[in-house]
Each structure stands twice: as C-alpha cells, then as structure tokens.
Amino acid sequence: MSRDDILNGIRGAMADVFDIDVDENIVTGDTTADDIEEWDSLSHIRLIVAVERKFKVKFTNKEIESLKRVGDLVALVGAKTAA
C-alpha cells in the first residue's frame, strides 16, 4: 500500500471522526491536532480506533504516544501493513 493510499484512508477516517470535510489541502503529513479545531483528546482516541479498524492493525500505547503529526501516523500504518 502506498503512502498516498494510507494518507487518503486516514483522511477518510478523520472526516468521519471529526465530522468535517477533509482534503489534501487541509490534511497533509505535517498536520497536527493544533491545526484542526475538532481534534481533541477524545476525538484522538476515536481516530486511532478508526484507523486501526480501517487498516486492520493494532497500535501499542507507546506507538500512540509517539504520534505528533499525521505523517507519523501514515508511517506507522505503513510499517504495520508492510510486516
């Protein structure tokens, strides 16, 4: 699965969880929670669960805590799905 496929899948999960329109201009690899008003601690958990379900992966607490931006999540999903 390509990085763009993963990013687009995450954008879809974000659109569902945050109930916003998400496109490549709004969400990039450099996007953080500070960039999206609806992204709070509860919605972060919901996003992680949605991404785990979408890509059929499971993250550890340490992996989740290390995520700082969307690009980190893309890389983590890529590593999990390549294994």
N, C-alpha and C. Protein backbone atom coordinates (compact mmCIF):
# COMPACT_ATOMS: atom_id res chain seq x y z
N MET A 1 0.86 -1.18 0.00
CA MET A 1 0.00 0.00 0.00
C MET A 1 0.90 1.24 0.00
N SER A 2 0.57 2.18 -0.86
CA SER A 2 1.41 3.37 -0.98
C SER A 2 1.13 4.37 0.14
N ARG A 3 2.08 5.28 0.30
CA ARG A 3 1.92 6.33 1.31
C ARG A 3 0.67 7.16 1.02
N ASP A 4 0.41 7.47 -0.26
CA ASP A 4 -0.77 8.25 -0.63
C ASP A 4 -2.05 7.50 -0.32
N ASP A 5 -2.07 6.18 -0.54
CA ASP A 5 -3.25 5.38 -0.21
C ASP A 5 -3.53 5.44 1.29
N ILE A 6 -2.47 5.31 2.07
CA ILE A 6 -2.62 5.36 3.53
C ILE A 6 -3.11 6.74 3.96
N LEU A 7 -2.50 7.79 3.42
CA LEU A 7 -2.90 9.15 3.78
C LEU A 7 -4.36 9.39 3.41
N ASN A 8 -4.79 8.94 2.25
CA ASN A 8 -6.18 9.11 1.86
C ASN A 8 -7.12 8.33 2.77
N GLY A 9 -6.71 7.15 3.21
CA GLY A 9 -7.52 6.38 4.15
C GLY A 9 -7.63 7.08 5.50
N ILE A 10 -6.54 7.68 5.94
CA ILE A 10 -6.56 8.43 7.20
C ILE A 10 -7.42 9.67 7.06
N ARG A 11 -7.35 10.34 5.91
CA ARG A 11 -8.22 11.50 5.67
C ARG A 11 -9.69 11.10 5.78
N GLY A 12 -10.03 9.95 5.23
CA GLY A 12 -11.41 9.47 5.32
C GLY A 12 -11.82 9.21 6.75
N ALA A 13 -10.93 8.61 7.53
CA ALA A 13 -11.22 8.36 8.95
C ALA A 13 -11.38 9.68 9.70
N MET A 14 -10.53 10.65 9.38
CA MET A 14 -10.61 11.95 10.03
C MET A 14 -11.92 12.65 9.69
N ALA A 15 -12.34 12.55 8.44
CA ALA A 15 -13.61 13.17 8.04
C ALA A 15 -14.77 12.58 8.83
N ASP A 16 -14.75 11.26 9.03
CA ASP A 16 -15.81 10.61 9.80
C ASP A 16 -15.76 10.98 11.28
N VAL A 17 -14.57 10.90 11.86
CA VAL A 17 -14.42 11.14 13.30
C VAL A 17 -14.66 12.60 13.65
N PHE A 18 -14.10 13.52 12.87
CA PHE A 18 -14.21 14.94 13.19
C PHE A 18 -15.44 15.59 12.57
N ASP A 19 -16.14 14.84 11.70
CA ASP A 19 -17.33 15.33 11.02
C ASP A 19 -17.04 16.64 10.27
N ILE A 20 -15.95 16.59 9.48
CA ILE A 20 -15.55 17.74 8.68
C ILE A 20 -15.20 17.27 7.28
N ASP A 21 -15.17 18.21 6.34
CA ASP A 21 -14.67 17.91 5.00
C ASP A 21 -13.15 17.94 5.06
N VAL A 22 -12.52 16.87 4.59
CA VAL A 22 -11.07 16.76 4.65
C VAL A 22 -10.56 16.52 3.23
N ASP A 23 -9.58 17.30 2.81
CA ASP A 23 -8.94 17.07 1.52
C ASP A 23 -7.44 17.27 1.65
N GLU A 24 -6.75 17.10 0.53
CA GLU A 24 -5.29 17.17 0.57
C GLU A 24 -4.76 18.54 0.94
N ASN A 25 -5.59 19.59 0.80
CA ASN A 25 -5.16 20.93 1.19
C ASN A 25 -5.27 21.16 2.69
N ILE A 26 -6.16 20.43 3.34
CA ILE A 26 -6.37 20.59 4.78
C ILE A 26 -5.47 19.64 5.57
N VAL A 27 -5.41 18.39 5.14
CA VAL A 27 -4.65 17.38 5.88
C VAL A 27 -3.47 16.90 5.03
N THR A 28 -2.28 17.20 5.53
CA THR A 28 -1.04 16.75 4.91
C THR A 28 -0.26 15.96 5.95
N GLY A 29 0.89 15.49 5.57
CA GLY A 29 1.74 14.78 6.53
C GLY A 29 2.18 15.65 7.69
N ASP A 30 2.16 16.96 7.52
CA ASP A 30 2.60 17.88 8.57
C ASP A 30 1.47 18.36 9.47
N THR A 31 0.24 17.93 9.20
CA THR A 31 -0.91 18.36 10.00
C THR A 31 -0.81 17.80 11.42
N THR A 32 -1.13 18.66 12.41
CA THR A 32 -1.15 18.23 13.81
C THR A 32 -2.52 18.52 14.39
N ALA A 33 -2.73 18.07 15.61
CA ALA A 33 -4.01 18.32 16.30
C ALA A 33 -4.27 19.81 16.47
N ASP A 34 -3.22 20.59 16.55
CA ASP A 34 -3.38 22.04 16.70
C ASP A 34 -3.98 22.69 15.45
N ASP A 35 -3.88 22.01 14.32
CA ASP A 35 -4.36 22.56 13.05
C ASP A 35 -5.85 22.34 12.80
N ILE A 36 -6.46 21.42 13.57
CA ILE A 36 -7.86 21.07 13.35
C ILE A 36 -8.63 21.28 14.64
N GLU A 37 -9.54 22.22 14.61
CA GLU A 37 -10.27 22.63 15.81
C GLU A 37 -10.99 21.46 16.49
N GLU A 38 -11.52 20.54 15.71
CA GLU A 38 -12.31 19.43 16.26
C GLU A 38 -11.44 18.31 16.86
N TRP A 39 -10.14 18.41 16.72
CA TRP A 39 -9.23 17.35 17.16
C TRP A 39 -8.85 17.58 18.62
N ASP A 40 -9.58 16.93 19.52
CA ASP A 40 -9.27 16.99 20.95
C ASP A 40 -8.88 15.60 21.43
N SER A 41 -8.68 15.43 22.72
CA SER A 41 -8.19 14.15 23.23
C SER A 41 -9.17 13.00 23.00
N LEU A 42 -10.45 13.26 23.14
CA LEU A 42 -11.44 12.21 22.92
C LEU A 42 -11.51 11.83 21.44
N SER A 43 -11.53 12.82 20.57
CA SER A 43 -11.58 12.52 19.14
C SER A 43 -10.27 11.87 18.66
N HIS A 44 -9.18 12.15 19.36
CA HIS A 44 -7.91 11.50 19.02
C HIS A 44 -8.03 9.99 19.24
N ILE A 45 -8.61 9.60 20.35
CA ILE A 45 -8.81 8.18 20.64
C ILE A 45 -9.73 7.56 19.59
N ARG A 46 -10.79 8.25 19.25
CA ARG A 46 -11.71 7.75 18.24
C ARG A 46 -11.01 7.62 16.88
N LEU A 47 -10.13 8.55 16.56
CA LEU A 47 -9.39 8.49 15.31
C LEU A 47 -8.46 7.27 15.29
N ILE A 48 -7.76 7.04 16.37
CA ILE A 48 -6.84 5.90 16.44
C ILE A 48 -7.61 4.60 16.25
N VAL A 49 -8.75 4.47 16.92
CA VAL A 49 -9.58 3.27 16.79
C VAL A 49 -10.07 3.11 15.34
N ALA A 50 -10.50 4.21 14.74
CA ALA A 50 -10.99 4.17 13.35
C ALA A 50 -9.87 3.74 12.40
N VAL A 51 -8.67 4.26 12.60
CA VAL A 51 -7.53 3.90 11.74
C VAL A 51 -7.16 2.44 11.94
N GLU A 52 -7.16 1.99 13.19
CA GLU A 52 -6.86 0.58 13.46
C GLU A 52 -7.85 -0.33 12.74
N ARG A 53 -9.11 0.01 12.80
CA ARG A 53 -10.14 -0.80 12.13
C ARG A 53 -9.99 -0.74 10.61
N LYS A 54 -9.78 0.45 10.09
CA LYS A 54 -9.70 0.63 8.64
C LYS A 54 -8.55 -0.17 8.02
N PHE A 55 -7.40 -0.14 8.69
CA PHE A 55 -6.21 -0.78 8.15
C PHE A 55 -5.93 -2.15 8.78
N LYS A 56 -6.80 -2.57 9.70
CA LYS A 56 -6.66 -3.87 10.37
C LYS A 56 -5.29 -4.02 11.03
N VAL A 57 -4.94 -3.00 11.83
CA VAL A 57 -3.69 -3.00 12.58
C VAL A 57 -4.02 -2.69 14.04
N LYS A 58 -3.04 -2.87 14.91
CA LYS A 58 -3.20 -2.55 16.32
C LYS A 58 -1.96 -1.79 16.76
N PHE A 59 -2.17 -0.66 17.43
CA PHE A 59 -1.06 0.15 17.91
C PHE A 59 -0.86 -0.07 19.41
N THR A 60 0.39 0.00 19.85
CA THR A 60 0.68 -0.05 21.28
C THR A 60 0.50 1.36 21.85
N ASN A 61 0.39 1.43 23.15
CA ASN A 61 0.29 2.75 23.80
C ASN A 61 1.52 3.59 23.50
N LYS A 62 2.69 2.98 23.50
CA LYS A 62 3.93 3.71 23.23
C LYS A 62 3.91 4.28 21.82
N GLU A 63 3.43 3.50 20.85
CA GLU A 63 3.34 3.99 19.47
C GLU A 63 2.37 5.17 19.38
N ILE A 64 1.24 5.05 20.04
CA ILE A 64 0.24 6.12 20.01
C ILE A 64 0.80 7.40 20.62
N GLU A 65 1.50 7.26 21.74
CA GLU A 65 2.07 8.42 22.42
C GLU A 65 3.15 9.10 21.57
N SER A 66 3.78 8.35 20.67
CA SER A 66 4.86 8.92 19.86
C SER A 66 4.34 9.72 18.66
N LEU A 67 3.06 9.63 18.36
CA LEU A 67 2.49 10.31 17.20
C LEU A 67 2.39 11.81 17.46
N LYS A 68 3.00 12.59 16.59
CA LYS A 68 2.98 14.05 16.73
C LYS A 68 2.27 14.73 15.57
N ARG A 69 2.23 14.06 14.41
CA ARG A 69 1.61 14.65 13.23
C ARG A 69 1.03 13.53 12.37
N VAL A 70 0.24 13.88 11.40
CA VAL A 70 -0.40 12.88 10.54
C VAL A 70 0.65 12.03 9.82
N GLY A 71 1.75 12.63 9.41
CA GLY A 71 2.81 11.88 8.75
C GLY A 71 3.36 10.75 9.60
N ASP A 72 3.43 10.96 10.91
CA ASP A 72 3.86 9.90 11.81
C ASP A 72 2.89 8.73 11.78
N LEU A 73 1.59 9.05 11.74
CA LEU A 73 0.56 8.02 11.69
C LEU A 73 0.63 7.27 10.36
N VAL A 74 0.84 7.99 9.27
CA VAL A 74 0.99 7.36 7.95
C VAL A 74 2.17 6.38 7.97
N ALA A 75 3.29 6.80 8.51
CA ALA A 75 4.49 5.96 8.57
C ALA A 75 4.24 4.73 9.44
N LEU A 76 3.56 4.91 10.55
CA LEU A 76 3.28 3.80 11.45
C LEU A 76 2.34 2.79 10.78
N VAL A 77 1.31 3.25 10.14
CA VAL A 77 0.41 2.35 9.42
C VAL A 77 1.18 1.63 8.31
N GLY A 78 2.02 2.36 7.59
CA GLY A 78 2.83 1.75 6.54
C GLY A 78 3.71 0.63 7.06
N ALA A 79 4.34 0.87 8.20
CA ALA A 79 5.22 -0.15 8.81
C ALA A 79 4.41 -1.36 9.25
N LYS A 80 3.24 -1.12 9.81
CA LYS A 80 2.39 -2.22 10.31
C LYS A 80 1.82 -3.05 9.16
N THR A 81 1.44 -2.40 8.07
CA THR A 81 0.81 -3.12 6.97
C THR A 81 1.85 -3.81 6.10
N ALA A 82 3.10 -3.37 6.15
CA ALA A 82 4.15 -3.99 5.36
C ALA A 82 4.68 -5.26 6.03
N ALA A 83 4.47 -5.36 7.32
CA ALA A 83 5.00 -6.50 8.09
C ALA A 83 4.20 -7.77 7.86
